[in-house]
Amino acid sequence: MLLGDTIEIFRNFYKTNENISKFSIKRSIKNLLTLMHTELSRANVSVVLEEFEDRNISQVENIIQQILLILIHNAKDAVVEKFKDDFKSRVISISVKFDEKYCYIKVSEFGCGVDKRIQEKIFDTPKTTKEFGSGIGLYFGKKLANEKICGDLKLLSVKDPTVFCFSFAIN
């Protein structure tokens, strides 16, 4: 049954459907974490999804998941780089809040942080601070948020913790 559920989650994630549908944001995040489980486990990274009151929203689910994938993947790289031998410190936190019109998802970690020299331009053009990175992730995530789901992606804190906030219209 678990394998069947995982295959279904996989199918839905890779659909290129940009239709708006109604879905649970909590279930959507948990499905994404299920897809990322192997990658996160191999890196000895744990993700804490803070408790929140779930809502069903009307939005393009796979775009939301793709942007969260970028944020979680970057957070994983940051904690792995900083905590080379301290696996217990490799923690990513996700918090979710709503207001009348928007959902706000914060992804935070105590990894190596964002260089202050690039913080103003981090979303402008593809750039990377990683040895083998393309730098397209945050640029692409912000572009998707702005153009496809009436949303935004912001860097709230550069270090201790590094916090990115992803917001989008819920209807």
N, C-alpha and C. Protein backbone atom coordinates (compact mmCIF):
# COMPACT_ATOMS: atom_id res chain seq x y z
N MET A 1 0.83 -1.19 0.00
CA MET A 1 0.00 0.00 0.00
C MET A 1 0.88 1.26 0.00
N LEU A 2 1.95 1.25 0.83
CA LEU A 2 2.86 2.40 0.88
C LEU A 2 3.51 2.63 -0.48
N LEU A 3 3.94 1.56 -1.13
CA LEU A 3 4.55 1.69 -2.45
C LEU A 3 3.56 2.28 -3.45
N GLY A 4 2.32 1.82 -3.41
CA GLY A 4 1.30 2.36 -4.30
C GLY A 4 1.06 3.84 -4.06
N ASP A 5 1.01 4.24 -2.79
CA ASP A 5 0.84 5.65 -2.45
C ASP A 5 2.02 6.49 -2.94
N THR A 6 3.22 5.96 -2.77
CA THR A 6 4.43 6.68 -3.20
C THR A 6 4.45 6.85 -4.71
N ILE A 7 4.06 5.83 -5.44
CA ILE A 7 4.01 5.92 -6.90
C ILE A 7 2.99 6.98 -7.32
N GLU A 8 1.86 7.02 -6.67
CA GLU A 8 0.84 8.03 -6.99
C GLU A 8 1.34 9.44 -6.70
N ILE A 9 2.04 9.61 -5.58
CA ILE A 9 2.62 10.92 -5.24
C ILE A 9 3.62 11.32 -6.32
N PHE A 10 4.45 10.38 -6.75
CA PHE A 10 5.43 10.62 -7.79
C PHE A 10 4.75 11.07 -9.09
N ARG A 11 3.72 10.36 -9.49
CA ARG A 11 2.98 10.68 -10.71
C ARG A 11 2.46 12.12 -10.66
N ASN A 12 1.83 12.46 -9.55
CA ASN A 12 1.25 13.80 -9.42
C ASN A 12 2.32 14.88 -9.41
N PHE A 13 3.47 14.60 -8.80
CA PHE A 13 4.53 15.60 -8.72
C PHE A 13 5.07 15.95 -10.09
N TYR A 14 5.23 14.96 -10.95
CA TYR A 14 5.84 15.20 -12.25
C TYR A 14 4.86 15.58 -13.35
N LYS A 15 3.59 15.72 -13.02
CA LYS A 15 2.64 16.20 -14.01
C LYS A 15 2.97 17.66 -14.33
N THR A 16 2.84 18.03 -15.58
CA THR A 16 3.12 19.40 -15.97
C THR A 16 1.83 20.22 -15.98
N ASN A 17 0.82 19.70 -15.35
CA ASN A 17 -0.48 20.34 -15.26
C ASN A 17 -0.37 21.65 -14.48
N GLU A 18 -0.84 22.73 -15.08
CA GLU A 18 -0.84 24.01 -14.40
C GLU A 18 -2.27 24.45 -14.07
N ASN A 19 -3.17 23.48 -13.95
CA ASN A 19 -4.54 23.79 -13.59
C ASN A 19 -4.66 24.01 -12.09
N ILE A 20 -5.52 24.90 -11.73
CA ILE A 20 -5.78 25.16 -10.32
C ILE A 20 -6.69 24.05 -9.79
N SER A 21 -6.34 23.53 -8.63
CA SER A 21 -7.16 22.51 -7.99
C SER A 21 -7.20 22.79 -6.48
N LYS A 22 -8.16 22.16 -5.83
CA LYS A 22 -8.30 22.32 -4.38
C LYS A 22 -7.56 21.16 -3.71
N PHE A 23 -6.70 21.48 -2.72
CA PHE A 23 -5.92 20.46 -2.04
C PHE A 23 -5.52 20.92 -0.65
N SER A 24 -5.13 19.98 0.19
CA SER A 24 -4.65 20.24 1.54
C SER A 24 -3.18 20.62 1.47
N ILE A 25 -2.82 21.78 2.01
CA ILE A 25 -1.42 22.21 1.99
C ILE A 25 -0.57 21.29 2.86
N LYS A 26 -1.11 20.81 3.97
CA LYS A 26 -0.35 19.90 4.84
C LYS A 26 -0.06 18.59 4.11
N ARG A 27 -1.06 18.03 3.46
CA ARG A 27 -0.87 16.78 2.71
C ARG A 27 0.13 17.00 1.59
N SER A 28 0.07 18.13 0.91
CA SER A 28 0.97 18.42 -0.19
C SER A 28 2.43 18.48 0.29
N ILE A 29 2.68 19.14 1.41
CA ILE A 29 4.03 19.22 1.96
C ILE A 29 4.51 17.84 2.39
N LYS A 30 3.64 17.08 3.04
CA LYS A 30 4.02 15.73 3.48
C LYS A 30 4.31 14.83 2.28
N ASN A 31 3.56 14.98 1.20
CA ASN A 31 3.83 14.20 -0.01
C ASN A 31 5.21 14.55 -0.58
N LEU A 32 5.54 15.83 -0.60
CA LEU A 32 6.85 16.26 -1.09
C LEU A 32 7.95 15.67 -0.22
N LEU A 33 7.78 15.71 1.10
CA LEU A 33 8.79 15.16 2.01
C LEU A 33 8.93 13.65 1.82
N THR A 34 7.85 12.98 1.46
CA THR A 34 7.92 11.55 1.15
C THR A 34 8.80 11.33 -0.09
N LEU A 35 8.62 12.17 -1.11
CA LEU A 35 9.44 12.06 -2.31
C LEU A 35 10.91 12.33 -2.03
N MET A 36 11.18 13.23 -1.10
CA MET A 36 12.56 13.63 -0.80
C MET A 36 13.19 12.75 0.29
N HIS A 37 12.44 11.82 0.83
CA HIS A 37 12.91 11.04 1.97
C HIS A 37 14.27 10.38 1.74
N THR A 38 14.46 9.74 0.62
CA THR A 38 15.72 9.04 0.36
C THR A 38 16.89 10.02 0.31
N GLU A 39 16.72 11.11 -0.40
CA GLU A 39 17.78 12.13 -0.51
C GLU A 39 18.14 12.70 0.87
N LEU A 40 17.11 13.02 1.65
CA LEU A 40 17.34 13.59 2.98
C LEU A 40 17.96 12.57 3.92
N SER A 41 17.50 11.33 3.85
CA SER A 41 18.03 10.27 4.72
C SER A 41 19.50 9.99 4.42
N ARG A 42 19.85 9.92 3.16
CA ARG A 42 21.25 9.68 2.79
C ARG A 42 22.16 10.78 3.30
N ALA A 43 21.63 11.99 3.40
CA ALA A 43 22.42 13.12 3.89
C ALA A 43 22.29 13.28 5.41
N ASN A 44 21.55 12.39 6.05
CA ASN A 44 21.32 12.47 7.51
C ASN A 44 20.72 13.81 7.90
N VAL A 45 19.73 14.26 7.14
CA VAL A 45 19.05 15.52 7.41
C VAL A 45 17.61 15.23 7.82
N SER A 46 17.18 15.85 8.90
CA SER A 46 15.79 15.70 9.32
C SER A 46 15.03 16.99 9.06
N VAL A 47 13.77 16.83 8.73
CA VAL A 47 12.90 17.98 8.47
C VAL A 47 11.79 17.96 9.50
N VAL A 48 11.61 19.10 10.16
CA VAL A 48 10.55 19.25 11.15
C VAL A 48 9.47 20.13 10.54
N LEU A 49 8.29 19.55 10.33
CA LEU A 49 7.14 20.32 9.87
C LEU A 49 6.37 20.72 11.11
N GLU A 50 6.44 22.00 11.46
CA GLU A 50 5.77 22.48 12.66
C GLU A 50 4.26 22.33 12.51
N GLU A 51 3.59 22.06 13.62
CA GLU A 51 2.14 21.89 13.60
C GLU A 51 1.46 23.20 13.18
N PHE A 52 0.41 23.06 12.40
CA PHE A 52 -0.39 24.22 11.99
C PHE A 52 -1.79 23.73 11.64
N GLU A 53 -2.72 24.66 11.65
CA GLU A 53 -4.10 24.32 11.27
C GLU A 53 -4.17 24.27 9.75
N ASP A 54 -4.44 23.09 9.24
CA ASP A 54 -4.44 22.87 7.80
C ASP A 54 -5.60 23.60 7.13
N ARG A 55 -5.42 23.91 5.87
CA ARG A 55 -6.48 24.47 5.04
C ARG A 55 -6.44 23.82 3.68
N ASN A 56 -7.61 23.72 3.08
CA ASN A 56 -7.68 23.35 1.68
C ASN A 56 -7.61 24.64 0.89
N ILE A 57 -6.69 24.68 -0.06
CA ILE A 57 -6.51 25.88 -0.85
C ILE A 57 -6.77 25.56 -2.31
N SER A 58 -7.00 26.59 -3.11
CA SER A 58 -7.17 26.44 -4.56
C SER A 58 -5.96 27.09 -5.22
N GLN A 59 -5.10 26.24 -5.78
CA GLN A 59 -3.84 26.73 -6.33
C GLN A 59 -3.25 25.66 -7.26
N VAL A 60 -2.10 25.92 -7.83
CA VAL A 60 -1.41 24.97 -8.70
C VAL A 60 -0.43 24.19 -7.82
N GLU A 61 -0.83 23.00 -7.40
CA GLU A 61 -0.08 22.24 -6.40
C GLU A 61 1.34 21.90 -6.83
N ASN A 62 1.53 21.44 -8.07
CA ASN A 62 2.87 21.00 -8.44
C ASN A 62 3.86 22.16 -8.50
N ILE A 63 3.43 23.37 -8.77
CA ILE A 63 4.33 24.52 -8.75
C ILE A 63 4.74 24.84 -7.31
N ILE A 64 3.79 24.78 -6.41
CA ILE A 64 4.11 24.99 -4.98
C ILE A 64 5.13 23.94 -4.52
N GLN A 65 4.92 22.69 -4.88
CA GLN A 65 5.85 21.64 -4.48
C GLN A 65 7.23 21.83 -5.12
N GLN A 66 7.29 22.27 -6.35
CA GLN A 66 8.57 22.47 -7.01
C GLN A 66 9.36 23.58 -6.34
N ILE A 67 8.69 24.66 -5.94
CA ILE A 67 9.38 25.76 -5.25
C ILE A 67 9.86 25.29 -3.87
N LEU A 68 9.02 24.56 -3.16
CA LEU A 68 9.45 24.02 -1.86
C LEU A 68 10.61 23.04 -2.02
N LEU A 69 10.60 22.26 -3.08
CA LEU A 69 11.71 21.34 -3.35
C LEU A 69 13.02 22.11 -3.46
N ILE A 70 13.01 23.22 -4.16
CA ILE A 70 14.21 24.06 -4.31
C ILE A 70 14.68 24.54 -2.94
N LEU A 71 13.76 25.06 -2.14
CA LEU A 71 14.12 25.60 -0.81
C LEU A 71 14.66 24.51 0.11
N ILE A 72 14.00 23.36 0.13
CA ILE A 72 14.44 22.27 1.01
C ILE A 72 15.78 21.70 0.55
N HIS A 73 15.94 21.56 -0.76
CA HIS A 73 17.20 21.05 -1.29
C HIS A 73 18.36 21.99 -0.93
N ASN A 74 18.16 23.30 -1.09
CA ASN A 74 19.20 24.27 -0.73
C ASN A 74 19.50 24.23 0.77
N ALA A 75 18.45 24.11 1.58
CA ALA A 75 18.63 24.02 3.03
C ALA A 75 19.42 22.77 3.39
N LYS A 76 19.11 21.66 2.74
CA LYS A 76 19.85 20.42 2.98
C LYS A 76 21.33 20.61 2.68
N ASP A 77 21.64 21.21 1.55
CA ASP A 77 23.04 21.44 1.18
C ASP A 77 23.75 22.32 2.22
N ALA A 78 23.05 23.32 2.74
CA ALA A 78 23.65 24.24 3.71
C ALA A 78 23.97 23.55 5.03
N VAL A 79 23.05 22.73 5.54
CA VAL A 79 23.32 22.07 6.82
C VAL A 79 24.36 20.95 6.67
N VAL A 80 24.39 20.29 5.53
CA VAL A 80 25.39 19.25 5.30
C VAL A 80 26.78 19.89 5.22
N GLU A 81 26.87 21.03 4.54
CA GLU A 81 28.17 21.71 4.42
C GLU A 81 28.68 22.19 5.77
N LYS A 82 27.81 22.77 6.57
CA LYS A 82 28.26 23.31 7.87
C LYS A 82 28.51 22.21 8.90
N PHE A 83 27.64 21.23 8.96
CA PHE A 83 27.73 20.19 9.99
C PHE A 83 28.24 18.88 9.40
N LYS A 84 29.48 18.92 8.94
CA LYS A 84 30.08 17.75 8.28
C LYS A 84 30.08 16.51 9.17
N ASP A 85 30.37 16.68 10.46
CA ASP A 85 30.46 15.54 11.37
C ASP A 85 29.39 15.54 12.46
N ASP A 86 28.50 16.50 12.43
CA ASP A 86 27.48 16.63 13.47
C ASP A 86 26.09 16.41 12.85
N PHE A 87 25.73 15.12 12.68
CA PHE A 87 24.49 14.78 12.00
C PHE A 87 23.25 15.28 12.75
N LYS A 88 23.31 15.36 14.05
CA LYS A 88 22.14 15.78 14.84
C LYS A 88 21.78 17.24 14.61
N SER A 89 22.73 18.03 14.13
CA SER A 89 22.46 19.45 13.87
C SER A 89 21.92 19.70 12.47
N ARG A 90 21.82 18.66 11.69
CA ARG A 90 21.32 18.79 10.31
C ARG A 90 19.79 18.76 10.33
N VAL A 91 19.21 19.91 10.68
CA VAL A 91 17.76 20.01 10.83
C VAL A 91 17.24 21.18 10.00
N ILE A 92 16.15 20.92 9.30
CA ILE A 92 15.44 21.95 8.54
C ILE A 92 14.06 22.07 9.17
N SER A 93 13.61 23.31 9.39
CA SER A 93 12.27 23.54 9.95
C SER A 93 11.39 24.19 8.89
N ILE A 94 10.15 23.73 8.86
CA ILE A 94 9.15 24.32 7.96
C ILE A 94 7.97 24.75 8.80
N SER A 95 7.58 26.02 8.65
CA SER A 95 6.39 26.52 9.35
C SER A 95 5.42 27.09 8.32
N VAL A 96 4.14 26.98 8.61
CA VAL A 96 3.10 27.41 7.68
C VAL A 96 2.11 28.29 8.43
N LYS A 97 1.78 29.43 7.85
CA LYS A 97 0.77 30.32 8.41
C LYS A 97 -0.11 30.83 7.27
N PHE A 98 -1.31 31.25 7.64
CA PHE A 98 -2.26 31.77 6.66
C PHE A 98 -2.80 33.12 7.12
N ASP A 99 -3.18 33.94 6.18
CA ASP A 99 -4.08 35.06 6.47
C ASP A 99 -5.27 34.90 5.53
N GLU A 100 -6.06 35.91 5.35
CA GLU A 100 -7.27 35.78 4.54
C GLU A 100 -6.97 35.45 3.08
N LYS A 101 -5.85 35.95 2.56
CA LYS A 101 -5.57 35.81 1.14
C LYS A 101 -4.34 34.96 0.80
N TYR A 102 -3.43 34.81 1.74
CA TYR A 102 -2.14 34.17 1.42
C TYR A 102 -1.76 33.06 2.38
N CYS A 103 -0.92 32.17 1.86
CA CYS A 103 -0.25 31.15 2.66
C CYS A 103 1.22 31.55 2.71
N TYR A 104 1.83 31.44 3.89
CA TYR A 104 3.24 31.78 4.09
C TYR A 104 3.96 30.54 4.61
N ILE A 105 4.93 30.08 3.85
CA ILE A 105 5.71 28.91 4.26
C ILE A 105 7.15 29.37 4.45
N LYS A 106 7.64 29.18 5.68
CA LYS A 106 9.03 29.53 5.98
C LYS A 106 9.85 28.26 6.09
N VAL A 107 10.98 28.27 5.41
CA VAL A 107 11.95 27.18 5.47
C VAL A 107 13.20 27.76 6.12
N SER A 108 13.59 27.18 7.26
CA SER A 108 14.74 27.72 7.99
C SER A 108 15.70 26.63 8.42
N GLU A 109 16.97 27.03 8.55
CA GLU A 109 18.03 26.12 8.98
C GLU A 109 19.19 26.94 9.53
N PHE A 110 20.07 26.26 10.28
CA PHE A 110 21.23 26.89 10.86
C PHE A 110 22.51 26.48 10.13
N GLY A 111 22.42 26.39 8.80
CA GLY A 111 23.56 25.99 7.99
C GLY A 111 24.55 27.11 7.81
N CYS A 112 25.22 27.10 6.66
CA CYS A 112 26.32 28.03 6.43
C CYS A 112 25.87 29.45 6.07
N GLY A 113 24.59 29.67 5.84
CA GLY A 113 24.09 31.02 5.59
C GLY A 113 24.28 31.49 4.17
N VAL A 114 23.83 32.73 3.93
CA VAL A 114 23.91 33.36 2.61
C VAL A 114 24.91 34.51 2.72
N ASP A 115 25.86 34.55 1.81
CA ASP A 115 26.87 35.60 1.78
C ASP A 115 26.17 36.95 1.61
N LYS A 116 26.50 37.89 2.50
CA LYS A 116 25.85 39.21 2.45
C LYS A 116 26.10 39.95 1.14
N ARG A 117 27.18 39.60 0.45
CA ARG A 117 27.49 40.27 -0.82
C ARG A 117 26.48 39.92 -1.91
N ILE A 118 25.82 38.77 -1.79
CA ILE A 118 24.87 38.39 -2.84
C ILE A 118 23.42 38.41 -2.38
N GLN A 119 23.17 38.74 -1.12
CA GLN A 119 21.80 38.65 -0.62
C GLN A 119 20.82 39.55 -1.37
N GLU A 120 21.25 40.70 -1.83
CA GLU A 120 20.36 41.60 -2.56
C GLU A 120 20.05 41.09 -3.97
N LYS A 121 20.94 40.27 -4.52
CA LYS A 121 20.80 39.82 -5.90
C LYS A 121 20.51 38.34 -6.01
N ILE A 122 20.21 37.69 -4.90
CA ILE A 122 20.11 36.23 -4.88
C ILE A 122 19.01 35.68 -5.80
N PHE A 123 17.99 36.48 -6.07
CA PHE A 123 16.89 36.03 -6.93
C PHE A 123 16.95 36.63 -8.34
N ASP A 124 17.87 37.55 -8.58
CA ASP A 124 17.88 38.30 -9.83
C ASP A 124 18.27 37.50 -11.06
N THR A 125 19.41 36.87 -11.01
CA THR A 125 19.88 36.07 -12.14
C THR A 125 20.48 34.79 -11.59
N PRO A 126 20.56 33.77 -12.43
CA PRO A 126 21.14 32.53 -11.92
C PRO A 126 22.57 32.75 -11.42
N LYS A 127 22.80 32.40 -10.15
CA LYS A 127 24.14 32.47 -9.56
C LYS A 127 24.22 31.40 -8.49
N THR A 128 25.41 30.99 -8.17
CA THR A 128 25.57 29.94 -7.18
C THR A 128 26.75 30.23 -6.26
N THR A 129 26.67 29.70 -5.05
CA THR A 129 27.80 29.75 -4.14
C THR A 129 28.37 28.35 -3.97
N LYS A 130 27.78 27.39 -4.67
CA LYS A 130 28.19 25.99 -4.55
C LYS A 130 29.23 25.65 -5.61
N GLU A 131 30.09 24.71 -5.29
CA GLU A 131 31.14 24.31 -6.21
C GLU A 131 30.58 23.76 -7.52
N PHE A 132 29.48 22.98 -7.44
CA PHE A 132 28.94 22.35 -8.64
C PHE A 132 27.51 22.81 -8.92
N GLY A 133 27.10 23.96 -8.42
CA GLY A 133 25.73 24.43 -8.61
C GLY A 133 25.56 25.26 -9.86
N SER A 134 24.30 25.34 -10.32
CA SER A 134 24.00 26.17 -11.49
C SER A 134 23.46 27.53 -11.08
N GLY A 135 22.91 27.62 -9.87
CA GLY A 135 22.35 28.88 -9.40
C GLY A 135 20.97 29.18 -9.94
N ILE A 136 20.39 28.26 -10.66
CA ILE A 136 19.10 28.54 -11.28
C ILE A 136 17.93 28.34 -10.31
N GLY A 137 18.13 27.61 -9.23
CA GLY A 137 17.06 27.24 -8.32
C GLY A 137 16.25 28.39 -7.76
N LEU A 138 16.89 29.28 -7.02
CA LEU A 138 16.16 30.39 -6.40
C LEU A 138 15.62 31.37 -7.45
N TYR A 139 16.38 31.61 -8.49
CA TYR A 139 15.93 32.47 -9.58
C TYR A 139 14.65 31.89 -10.20
N PHE A 140 14.70 30.61 -10.52
CA PHE A 140 13.57 29.92 -11.13
C PHE A 140 12.38 29.86 -10.17
N GLY A 141 12.64 29.58 -8.88
CA GLY A 141 11.57 29.52 -7.88
C GLY A 141 10.83 30.84 -7.75
N LYS A 142 11.57 31.93 -7.70
CA LYS A 142 10.93 33.25 -7.58
C LYS A 142 10.13 33.57 -8.84
N LYS A 143 10.70 33.24 -9.98
CA LYS A 143 10.01 33.49 -11.25
C LYS A 143 8.69 32.70 -11.31
N LEU A 144 8.73 31.43 -10.94
CA LEU A 144 7.51 30.62 -10.90
C LEU A 144 6.48 31.22 -9.94
N ALA A 145 6.94 31.58 -8.74
CA ALA A 145 6.03 32.14 -7.74
C ALA A 145 5.37 33.41 -8.26
N ASN A 146 6.16 34.32 -8.80
CA ASN A 146 5.64 35.60 -9.29
C ASN A 146 4.70 35.45 -10.49
N GLU A 147 5.09 34.62 -11.44
CA GLU A 147 4.36 34.56 -12.70
C GLU A 147 3.24 33.53 -12.76
N LYS A 148 3.30 32.50 -11.93
CA LYS A 148 2.34 31.41 -12.07
C LYS A 148 1.31 31.30 -10.94
N ILE A 149 1.67 31.75 -9.71
CA ILE A 149 0.76 31.51 -8.60
C ILE A 149 0.52 32.74 -7.72
N CYS A 150 0.73 33.93 -8.27
CA CYS A 150 0.52 35.18 -7.51
C CYS A 150 1.26 35.11 -6.16
N GLY A 151 2.52 34.74 -6.25
CA GLY A 151 3.30 34.56 -5.02
C GLY A 151 4.62 35.28 -5.05
N ASP A 152 5.44 34.98 -4.03
CA ASP A 152 6.75 35.60 -3.94
C ASP A 152 7.66 34.70 -3.12
N LEU A 153 8.92 34.94 -3.26
CA LEU A 153 9.96 34.23 -2.53
C LEU A 153 10.91 35.28 -1.99
N LYS A 154 11.15 35.25 -0.66
CA LYS A 154 12.00 36.27 -0.03
C LYS A 154 13.00 35.61 0.91
N LEU A 155 14.15 36.25 1.03
CA LEU A 155 15.14 35.88 2.02
C LEU A 155 14.90 36.77 3.23
N LEU A 156 14.49 36.18 4.36
CA LEU A 156 14.19 36.96 5.56
C LEU A 156 15.39 37.11 6.48
N SER A 157 16.25 36.10 6.51
CA SER A 157 17.41 36.11 7.40
C SER A 157 18.55 35.38 6.72
N VAL A 158 19.75 35.99 6.72
CA VAL A 158 20.88 35.40 6.01
C VAL A 158 21.60 34.30 6.78
N LYS A 159 21.49 34.31 8.13
CA LYS A 159 22.24 33.31 8.90
C LYS A 159 21.72 33.23 10.33
N ASP A 160 21.82 32.03 10.89
CA ASP A 160 21.52 31.73 12.30
C ASP A 160 20.15 32.18 12.78
N PRO A 161 19.08 31.76 12.21
CA PRO A 161 18.97 30.84 11.08
C PRO A 161 18.86 31.58 9.75
N THR A 162 19.11 30.84 8.69
CA THR A 162 18.79 31.32 7.35
C THR A 162 17.32 30.99 7.14
N VAL A 163 16.54 32.00 6.73
CA VAL A 163 15.10 31.81 6.58
C VAL A 163 14.64 32.35 5.23
N PHE A 164 13.99 31.49 4.48
CA PHE A 164 13.32 31.89 3.26
C PHE A 164 11.83 31.80 3.48
N CYS A 165 11.09 32.79 2.96
CA CYS A 165 9.63 32.78 3.07
C CYS A 165 9.05 32.70 1.67
N PHE A 166 8.21 31.71 1.47
CA PHE A 166 7.51 31.49 0.21
C PHE A 166 6.05 31.79 0.49
N SER A 167 5.50 32.77 -0.22
CA SER A 167 4.10 33.13 -0.03
C SER A 167 3.37 33.05 -1.37
N PHE A 168 2.07 32.73 -1.26
CA PHE A 168 1.26 32.64 -2.48
C PHE A 168 -0.20 32.81 -2.13
N ALA A 169 -0.98 33.25 -3.13
CA ALA A 169 -2.42 33.42 -2.97
C ALA A 169 -3.07 32.05 -2.75
N ILE A 170 -4.04 31.98 -1.84
CA ILE A 170 -4.68 30.69 -1.54
C ILE A 170 -5.92 30.43 -2.38
N ASN A 171 -6.39 31.40 -3.11
CA ASN A 171 -7.53 31.20 -4.00
C ASN A 171 -7.30 31.92 -5.31
